[in-house]
Amino acid sequence: MHEEVVAPPVFGIRQQNALLRSVYNWMMLGLFISGITAFLISRSSGIQQVLFSSPFLVWILLIIEIGLVFAISGGIRRMSPAQAALLFILFSFLTGVSLSFIFLVYTSHSIAVTFFVAGITFGVTSLYGYITRANLTSWGNYLFMGLIGIIIASIINIFLHNSIISWVVTYLGVIIFVGLTAYDTQKIRRLGESAGTVDKKVFDKLAVIGALSLYLDFINLFLLLLNIFGRGRE
């Protein structure tokens, strides 16, 4: 016996669409900031030399970015919408700084092509997460465990330099972040169903935290695909 699927009321659909529009607007702003920052820094040999001459600075930058993700995710309830937005913009900027290295490693053409492929993949997967009637909640635990697994494997491979582990992590990572894109989109859609019962401040904060989730999904998917399709500079 199949459970009858009840369509959400028109008001709920409007709220879902409103929240998703806001989420995607913030996400696109974040990607724009990161992309422009990465491109401009890649054009400055002086800044590049300062940033990447010392692994210590790279690790510091990475730790700050991770700290901002936890700060936004863990402190979103206590923040004002303006504070959450400011931290998201700062995170996007710092991510752009750390991503500037790709212009030194890969050709601009391969970066552009991979960005297009990542965009299409992300868009189709996110659309699936929005329109599917299947409940993707059960995916969450498996995807999270998979994510932890590839993070641990990546850290270990820093010392092993094993090409097989690197490729396994890359391809598994693509699968995991494709799944996370669909999962996060459905989660945001469901949040939108109840968005009509919250005030504007909460709505705005939901948009920022949703944008952060999808931004991270896209960036990681892009970098993994770049590792597959990217063409090195000669």
C-alpha atoms as a PDB file:
ATOM      1  CA  MET A   1       0.000   0.000   0.000  1.00  0.00           C
ATOM      2  CA  HIS A   2       1.427   3.329  -1.045  1.00  0.00           C
ATOM      3  CA  GLU A   3       1.055   6.438   1.049  1.00  0.00           C
ATOM      4  CA  GLU A   4      -0.825   9.145  -0.792  1.00  0.00           C
ATOM      5  CA  VAL A   5       1.322  12.146  -1.635  1.00  0.00           C
ATOM      6  CA  VAL A   6      -0.440  15.372  -0.754  1.00  0.00           C
ATOM      7  CA  ALA A   7       0.598  18.379  -2.786  1.00  0.00           C
ATOM      8  CA  PRO A   8       1.602  21.412  -0.723  1.00  0.00           C
ATOM      9  CA  PRO A   9      -0.773  24.368  -0.749  1.00  0.00           C
ATOM     10  CA  VAL A  10      -0.163  27.181  -3.209  1.00  0.00           C
ATOM     11  CA  PHE A  11       1.019  29.424  -0.378  1.00  0.00           C
ATOM     12  CA  GLY A  12       3.607  26.787   0.613  1.00  0.00           C
ATOM     13  CA  ILE A  13       4.836  26.548  -2.970  1.00  0.00           C
ATOM     14  CA  ARG A  14       5.252  30.315  -3.120  1.00  0.00           C
ATOM     15  CA  GLN A  15       7.319  30.256   0.072  1.00  0.00           C
ATOM     16  CA  GLN A  16       9.456  27.395  -1.248  1.00  0.00           C
ATOM     17  CA  ASN A  17      10.165  29.315  -4.422  1.00  0.00           C
ATOM     18  CA  ALA A  18      10.841  32.538  -2.529  1.00  0.00           C
ATOM     19  CA  LEU A  19      13.347  30.845  -0.229  1.00  0.00           C
ATOM     20  CA  LEU A  20      15.083  29.008  -3.076  1.00  0.00           C
ATOM     21  CA  ARG A  21      15.331  32.212  -5.112  1.00  0.00           C
ATOM     22  CA  SER A  22      16.931  33.960  -2.158  1.00  0.00           C
ATOM     23  CA  VAL A  23      19.267  31.010  -1.538  1.00  0.00           C
ATOM     24  CA  TYR A  24      20.395  30.916  -5.166  1.00  0.00           C
ATOM     25  CA  ASN A  25      20.839  34.692  -5.264  1.00  0.00           C
ATOM     26  CA  TRP A  26      23.165  34.544  -2.263  1.00  0.00           C
ATOM     27  CA  MET A  27      24.968  31.519  -3.665  1.00  0.00           C
ATOM     28  CA  MET A  28      25.545  33.223  -7.023  1.00  0.00           C
ATOM     29  CA  LEU A  29      26.798  36.341  -5.241  1.00  0.00           C
ATOM     30  CA  GLY A  30      29.230  34.176  -3.278  1.00  0.00           C
ATOM     31  CA  LEU A  31      30.484  32.454  -6.436  1.00  0.00           C
ATOM     32  CA  PHE A  32      30.869  35.813  -8.171  1.00  0.00           C
ATOM     33  CA  ILE A  33      32.907  37.223  -5.281  1.00  0.00           C
ATOM     34  CA  SER A  34      35.089  34.101  -5.154  1.00  0.00           C
ATOM     35  CA  GLY A  35      35.615  34.016  -8.910  1.00  0.00           C
ATOM     36  CA  ILE A  36      36.526  37.686  -9.250  1.00  0.00           C
ATOM     37  CA  THR A  37      38.823  37.510  -6.214  1.00  0.00           C
ATOM     38  CA  ALA A  38      40.598  34.392  -7.507  1.00  0.00           C
ATOM     39  CA  PHE A  39      41.059  35.882 -10.974  1.00  0.00           C
ATOM     40  CA  LEU A  40      42.379  39.244  -9.747  1.00  0.00           C
ATOM     41  CA  ILE A  41      44.811  37.674  -7.275  1.00  0.00           C
ATOM     42  CA  SER A  42      46.072  35.294  -9.965  1.00  0.00           C
ATOM     43  CA  ARG A  43      47.059  38.381 -11.970  1.00  0.00           C
ATOM     44  CA  SER A  44      49.251  39.701  -9.151  1.00  0.00           C
ATOM     45  CA  SER A  45      52.537  37.828  -8.946  1.00  0.00           C
ATOM     46  CA  GLY A  46      53.428  39.693  -5.749  1.00  0.00           C
ATOM     47  CA  ILE A  47      50.331  38.572  -3.883  1.00  0.00           C
ATOM     48  CA  GLN A  48      50.702  35.052  -5.244  1.00  0.00           C
ATOM     49  CA  GLN A  49      54.265  34.879  -4.019  1.00  0.00           C
ATOM     50  CA  VAL A  50      53.272  36.032  -0.542  1.00  0.00           C
ATOM     51  CA  LEU A  51      50.324  33.640  -0.336  1.00  0.00           C
ATOM     52  CA  PHE A  52      51.874  30.453  -1.654  1.00  0.00           C
ATOM     53  CA  SER A  53      55.514  30.850  -0.739  1.00  0.00           C
ATOM     54  CA  SER A  54      54.756  29.488   2.720  1.00  0.00           C
ATOM     55  CA  PRO A  55      52.575  26.409   3.398  1.00  0.00           C
ATOM     56  CA  PHE A  56      51.959  27.926   6.840  1.00  0.00           C
ATOM     57  CA  LEU A  57      49.976  30.809   5.347  1.00  0.00           C
ATOM     58  CA  VAL A  58      47.934  28.431   3.196  1.00  0.00           C
ATOM     59  CA  TRP A  59      47.011  26.363   6.253  1.00  0.00           C
ATOM     60  CA  ILE A  60      46.118  29.486   8.219  1.00  0.00           C
ATOM     61  CA  LEU A  61      43.823  30.606   5.415  1.00  0.00           C
ATOM     62  CA  LEU A  62      42.200  27.165   5.268  1.00  0.00           C
ATOM     63  CA  ILE A  63      41.657  27.095   9.043  1.00  0.00           C
ATOM     64  CA  ILE A  64      40.021  30.543   8.929  1.00  0.00           C
ATOM     65  CA  GLU A  65      37.670  29.387   6.159  1.00  0.00           C
ATOM     66  CA  ILE A  66      36.689  26.269   8.117  1.00  0.00           C
ATOM     67  CA  GLY A  67      36.204  28.429  11.204  1.00  0.00           C
ATOM     68  CA  LEU A  68      33.859  30.730   9.296  1.00  0.00           C
ATOM     69  CA  VAL A  69      31.784  27.763   8.098  1.00  0.00           C
ATOM     70  CA  PHE A  70      31.369  26.555  11.680  1.00  0.00           C
ATOM     71  CA  ALA A  71      30.715  30.091  12.908  1.00  0.00           C
ATOM     72  CA  ILE A  72      27.920  30.633  10.396  1.00  0.00           C
ATOM     73  CA  SER A  73      26.415  27.163  10.796  1.00  0.00           C
ATOM     74  CA  GLY A  74      26.671  27.017  14.580  1.00  0.00           C
ATOM     75  CA  GLY A  75      25.920  30.648  15.389  1.00  0.00           C
ATOM     76  CA  ILE A  76      23.205  31.408  12.855  1.00  0.00           C
ATOM     77  CA  ARG A  77      20.488  31.520  15.540  1.00  0.00           C
ATOM     78  CA  ARG A  78      22.321  34.190  17.540  1.00  0.00           C
ATOM     79  CA  MET A  79      23.326  36.318  14.559  1.00  0.00           C
ATOM     80  CA  SER A  80      21.430  39.070  12.871  1.00  0.00           C
ATOM     81  CA  PRO A  81      20.795  38.620   9.134  1.00  0.00           C
ATOM     82  CA  ALA A  82      23.369  41.340   8.436  1.00  0.00           C
ATOM     83  CA  GLN A  83      26.036  39.548  10.480  1.00  0.00           C
ATOM     84  CA  ALA A  84      25.324  36.229   8.753  1.00  0.00           C
ATOM     85  CA  ALA A  85      25.465  37.910   5.340  1.00  0.00           C
ATOM     86  CA  LEU A  86      28.741  39.669   6.191  1.00  0.00           C
ATOM     87  CA  LEU A  87      30.388  36.421   7.315  1.00  0.00           C
ATOM     88  CA  PHE A  88      29.188  34.668   4.166  1.00  0.00           C
ATOM     89  CA  ILE A  89      30.651  37.415   1.983  1.00  0.00           C
ATOM     90  CA  LEU A  90      33.928  37.267   3.947  1.00  0.00           C
ATOM     91  CA  PHE A  91      34.015  33.492   3.528  1.00  0.00           C
ATOM     92  CA  SER A  92      33.401  33.832  -0.221  1.00  0.00           C
ATOM     93  CA  PHE A  93      36.239  36.349  -0.486  1.00  0.00           C
ATOM     94  CA  LEU A  94      38.715  34.169   1.441  1.00  0.00           C
ATOM     95  CA  THR A  95      37.705  31.135  -0.602  1.00  0.00           C
ATOM     96  CA  GLY A  96      38.456  33.159  -3.720  1.00  0.00           C
ATOM     97  CA  VAL A  97      41.879  33.977  -2.314  1.00  0.00           C
ATOM     98  CA  SER A  98      42.674  30.304  -1.697  1.00  0.00           C
ATOM     99  CA  LEU A  99      41.250  29.274  -5.091  1.00  0.00           C
ATOM    100  CA  SER A 100      43.498  31.671  -6.986  1.00  0.00           C
ATOM    101  CA  PHE A 101      46.107  28.904  -7.253  1.00  0.00           C
ATOM    102  CA  ILE A 102      44.017  27.097  -9.891  1.00  0.00           C
ATOM    103  CA  PHE A 103      44.933  29.791 -12.441  1.00  0.00           C
ATOM    104  CA  LEU A 104      48.589  28.904 -11.889  1.00  0.00           C
ATOM    105  CA  VAL A 105      48.035  25.153 -12.244  1.00  0.00           C
ATOM    106  CA  TYR A 106      45.381  24.877 -14.966  1.00  0.00           C
ATOM    107  CA  THR A 107      44.738  26.668 -18.246  1.00  0.00           C
ATOM    108  CA  SER A 108      42.005  29.310 -18.267  1.00  0.00           C
ATOM    109  CA  HIS A 109      40.167  27.375 -20.977  1.00  0.00           C
ATOM    110  CA  SER A 110      40.017  24.163 -18.945  1.00  0.00           C
ATOM    111  CA  ILE A 111      38.876  26.126 -15.865  1.00  0.00           C
ATOM    112  CA  ALA A 112      36.072  27.729 -17.865  1.00  0.00           C
ATOM    113  CA  VAL A 113      34.978  24.422 -19.416  1.00  0.00           C
ATOM    114  CA  THR A 114      35.050  22.629 -16.064  1.00  0.00           C
ATOM    115  CA  PHE A 115      33.080  25.455 -14.447  1.00  0.00           C
ATOM    116  CA  PHE A 116      30.445  25.061 -17.174  1.00  0.00           C
ATOM    117  CA  VAL A 117      30.318  21.274 -16.671  1.00  0.00           C
ATOM    118  CA  ALA A 118      30.078  21.709 -12.896  1.00  0.00           C
ATOM    119  CA  GLY A 119      27.305  24.265 -13.359  1.00  0.00           C
ATOM    120  CA  ILE A 120      25.263  21.947 -15.575  1.00  0.00           C
ATOM    121  CA  THR A 121      25.806  18.999 -13.225  1.00  0.00           C
ATOM    122  CA  PHE A 122      24.904  21.073 -10.184  1.00  0.00           C
ATOM    123  CA  GLY A 123      21.832  22.565 -11.868  1.00  0.00           C
ATOM    124  CA  VAL A 124      20.420  19.224 -13.003  1.00  0.00           C
ATOM    125  CA  THR A 125      21.070  17.593  -9.631  1.00  0.00           C
ATOM    126  CA  SER A 126      19.612  20.507  -7.687  1.00  0.00           C
ATOM    127  CA  LEU A 127      16.530  20.434  -9.919  1.00  0.00           C
ATOM    128  CA  TYR A 128      16.150  16.741  -9.169  1.00  0.00           C
ATOM    129  CA  GLY A 129      16.359  17.463  -5.440  1.00  0.00           C
ATOM    130  CA  TYR A 130      13.622  20.065  -5.834  1.00  0.00           C
ATOM    131  CA  ILE A 131      11.125  18.121  -7.941  1.00  0.00           C
ATOM    132  CA  THR A 132      11.584  14.543  -6.728  1.00  0.00           C
ATOM    133  CA  ARG A 133       8.852  13.006  -4.590  1.00  0.00           C
ATOM    134  CA  ALA A 134      11.375  10.594  -3.069  1.00  0.00           C
ATOM    135  CA  ASN A 135      12.434  11.344   0.486  1.00  0.00           C
ATOM    136  CA  LEU A 136      16.187  11.967   0.412  1.00  0.00           C
ATOM    137  CA  THR A 137      16.519  12.323   4.185  1.00  0.00           C
ATOM    138  CA  SER A 138      18.016   8.851   4.498  1.00  0.00           C
ATOM    139  CA  TRP A 139      20.813   9.916   2.153  1.00  0.00           C
ATOM    140  CA  GLY A 140      22.146  12.363   4.718  1.00  0.00           C
ATOM    141  CA  ASN A 141      23.900   9.929   7.053  1.00  0.00           C
ATOM    142  CA  TYR A 142      25.479   7.922   4.222  1.00  0.00           C
ATOM    143  CA  LEU A 143      26.675  11.039   2.409  1.00  0.00           C
ATOM    144  CA  PHE A 144      28.096  12.482   5.625  1.00  0.00           C
ATOM    145  CA  MET A 145      29.953   9.243   6.395  1.00  0.00           C
ATOM    146  CA  GLY A 146      31.264   9.193   2.832  1.00  0.00           C
ATOM    147  CA  LEU A 147      32.406  12.798   3.170  1.00  0.00           C
ATOM    148  CA  ILE A 148      34.268  12.014   6.396  1.00  0.00           C
ATOM    149  CA  GLY A 149      35.841   9.029   4.669  1.00  0.00           C
ATOM    150  CA  ILE A 150      37.226  10.997   1.718  1.00  0.00           C
ATOM    151  CA  ILE A 151      38.487  13.750   4.039  1.00  0.00           C
ATOM    152  CA  ILE A 152      40.413  11.198   6.108  1.00  0.00           C
ATOM    153  CA  ALA A 153      41.731   9.493   2.966  1.00  0.00           C
ATOM    154  CA  SER A 154      42.812  12.854   1.534  1.00  0.00           C
ATOM    155  CA  ILE A 155      44.704  13.752   4.706  1.00  0.00           C
ATOM    156  CA  ILE A 156      46.452  10.363   4.751  1.00  0.00           C
ATOM    157  CA  ASN A 157      47.338  10.715   1.080  1.00  0.00           C
ATOM    158  CA  ILE A 158      49.120  14.006   1.775  1.00  0.00           C
ATOM    159  CA  PHE A 159      51.867  11.822   3.239  1.00  0.00           C
ATOM    160  CA  LEU A 160      51.505   8.779   0.952  1.00  0.00           C
ATOM    161  CA  HIS A 161      51.249  10.597  -2.408  1.00  0.00           C
ATOM    162  CA  ASN A 162      49.410   7.582  -3.826  1.00  0.00           C
ATOM    163  CA  SER A 163      47.858   8.303  -7.231  1.00  0.00           C
ATOM    164  CA  ILE A 164      45.316   5.469  -6.924  1.00  0.00           C
ATOM    165  CA  ILE A 165      43.984   6.820  -3.628  1.00  0.00           C
ATOM    166  CA  SER A 166      43.864  10.291  -5.165  1.00  0.00           C
ATOM    167  CA  TRP A 167      41.708   9.165  -8.099  1.00  0.00           C
ATOM    168  CA  VAL A 168      39.423   7.035  -5.910  1.00  0.00           C
ATOM    169  CA  VAL A 169      38.869  10.008  -3.604  1.00  0.00           C
ATOM    170  CA  THR A 170      38.208  12.277  -6.590  1.00  0.00           C
ATOM    171  CA  TYR A 171      35.568  10.069  -8.222  1.00  0.00           C
ATOM    172  CA  LEU A 172      33.903   9.165  -4.927  1.00  0.00           C
ATOM    173  CA  GLY A 173      33.927  12.850  -4.030  1.00  0.00           C
ATOM    174  CA  VAL A 174      32.056  13.727  -7.216  1.00  0.00           C
ATOM    175  CA  ILE A 175      29.382  11.158  -6.369  1.00  0.00           C
ATOM    176  CA  ILE A 176      29.107  12.384  -2.789  1.00  0.00           C
ATOM    177  CA  PHE A 177      28.770  16.065  -3.685  1.00  0.00           C
ATOM    178  CA  VAL A 178      26.262  15.309  -6.435  1.00  0.00           C
ATOM    179  CA  GLY A 179      24.226  13.503  -3.774  1.00  0.00           C
ATOM    180  CA  LEU A 180      24.681  16.331  -1.274  1.00  0.00           C
ATOM    181  CA  THR A 181      23.451  18.857  -3.846  1.00  0.00           C
ATOM    182  CA  ALA A 182      20.169  16.970  -4.270  1.00  0.00           C
ATOM    183  CA  TYR A 183      19.879  16.355  -0.516  1.00  0.00           C
ATOM    184  CA  ASP A 184      20.549  19.970   0.472  1.00  0.00           C
ATOM    185  CA  THR A 185      18.174  21.312  -2.177  1.00  0.00           C
ATOM    186  CA  GLN A 186      15.338  19.138  -0.899  1.00  0.00           C
ATOM    187  CA  LYS A 187      16.120  20.178   2.669  1.00  0.00           C
ATOM    188  CA  ILE A 188      15.928  23.851   1.676  1.00  0.00           C
ATOM    189  CA  ARG A 189      12.682  23.220  -0.203  1.00  0.00           C
ATOM    190  CA  ARG A 190      11.169  21.688   2.920  1.00  0.00           C
ATOM    191  CA  LEU A 191      12.331  24.608   5.017  1.00  0.00           C
ATOM    192  CA  GLY A 192      10.542  26.813   2.515  1.00  0.00           C
ATOM    193  CA  GLU A 193       7.283  25.011   3.207  1.00  0.00           C
ATOM    194  CA  SER A 194       7.249  26.483   6.708  1.00  0.00           C
ATOM    195  CA  ALA A 195       8.895  29.789   5.807  1.00  0.00           C
ATOM    196  CA  GLY A 196       5.526  31.522   5.795  1.00  0.00           C
ATOM    197  CA  THR A 197       5.299  31.061   9.551  1.00  0.00           C
ATOM    198  CA  VAL A 198       8.615  32.783  10.356  1.00  0.00           C
ATOM    199  CA  ASP A 199       9.499  36.456  10.388  1.00  0.00           C
ATOM    200  CA  LYS A 200      11.697  38.140   7.795  1.00  0.00           C
ATOM    201  CA  LYS A 201      14.845  37.981   9.924  1.00  0.00           C
ATOM    202  CA  VAL A 202      14.626  34.210  10.254  1.00  0.00           C
ATOM    203  CA  PHE A 203      13.775  33.914   6.555  1.00  0.00           C
ATOM    204  CA  ASP A 204      16.864  35.939   5.611  1.00  0.00           C
ATOM    205  CA  LYS A 205      19.088  33.798   7.838  1.00  0.00           C
ATOM    206  CA  LEU A 206      17.645  30.616   6.331  1.00  0.00           C
ATOM    207  CA  ALA A 207      18.582  31.980   2.909  1.00  0.00           C
ATOM    208  CA  VAL A 208      22.200  32.593   3.959  1.00  0.00           C
ATOM    209  CA  ILE A 209      22.693  29.201   5.613  1.00  0.00           C
ATOM    210  CA  GLY A 210      21.073  27.501   2.615  1.00  0.00           C
ATOM    211  CA  ALA A 211      23.336  29.420   0.249  1.00  0.00           C
ATOM    212  CA  LEU A 212      26.387  28.361   2.250  1.00  0.00           C
ATOM    213  CA  SER A 213      25.414  24.683   1.936  1.00  0.00           C
ATOM    214  CA  LEU A 214      24.884  24.813  -1.822  1.00  0.00           C
ATOM    215  CA  TYR A 215      27.951  27.040  -2.312  1.00  0.00           C
ATOM    216  CA  LEU A 216      30.125  24.428  -0.604  1.00  0.00           C
ATOM    217  CA  ASP A 217      28.544  21.655  -2.671  1.00  0.00           C
ATOM    218  CA  PHE A 218      29.263  23.523  -5.895  1.00  0.00           C
ATOM    219  CA  ILE A 219      32.823  24.583  -5.058  1.00  0.00           C
ATOM    220  CA  ASN A 220      33.837  21.087  -4.022  1.00  0.00           C
ATOM    221  CA  LEU A 221      32.165  19.557  -7.071  1.00  0.00           C
ATOM    222  CA  PHE A 222      33.963  22.061  -9.301  1.00  0.00           C
ATOM    223  CA  LEU A 223      37.377  21.355  -7.764  1.00  0.00           C
ATOM    224  CA  LEU A 224      36.916  17.596  -8.029  1.00  0.00           C
ATOM    225  CA  LEU A 225      35.852  17.840 -11.673  1.00  0.00           C
ATOM    226  CA  LEU A 226      38.780  20.168 -12.311  1.00  0.00           C
ATOM    227  CA  ASN A 227      41.067  17.465 -10.997  1.00  0.00           C
ATOM    228  CA  ILE A 228      39.569  15.151 -13.637  1.00  0.00           C
ATOM    229  CA  PHE A 229      39.140  17.441 -16.629  1.00  0.00           C
ATOM    230  CA  GLY A 230      41.575  20.258 -15.901  1.00  0.00           C
ATOM    231  CA  ARG A 231      44.467  20.703 -18.304  1.00  0.00           C
ATOM    232  CA  GLY A 232      47.762  21.737 -16.732  1.00  0.00           C
ATOM    233  CA  ARG A 233      49.632  24.826 -17.829  1.00  0.00           C
ATOM    234  CA  GLU A 234      52.708  24.131 -19.924  1.00  0.00           C
END
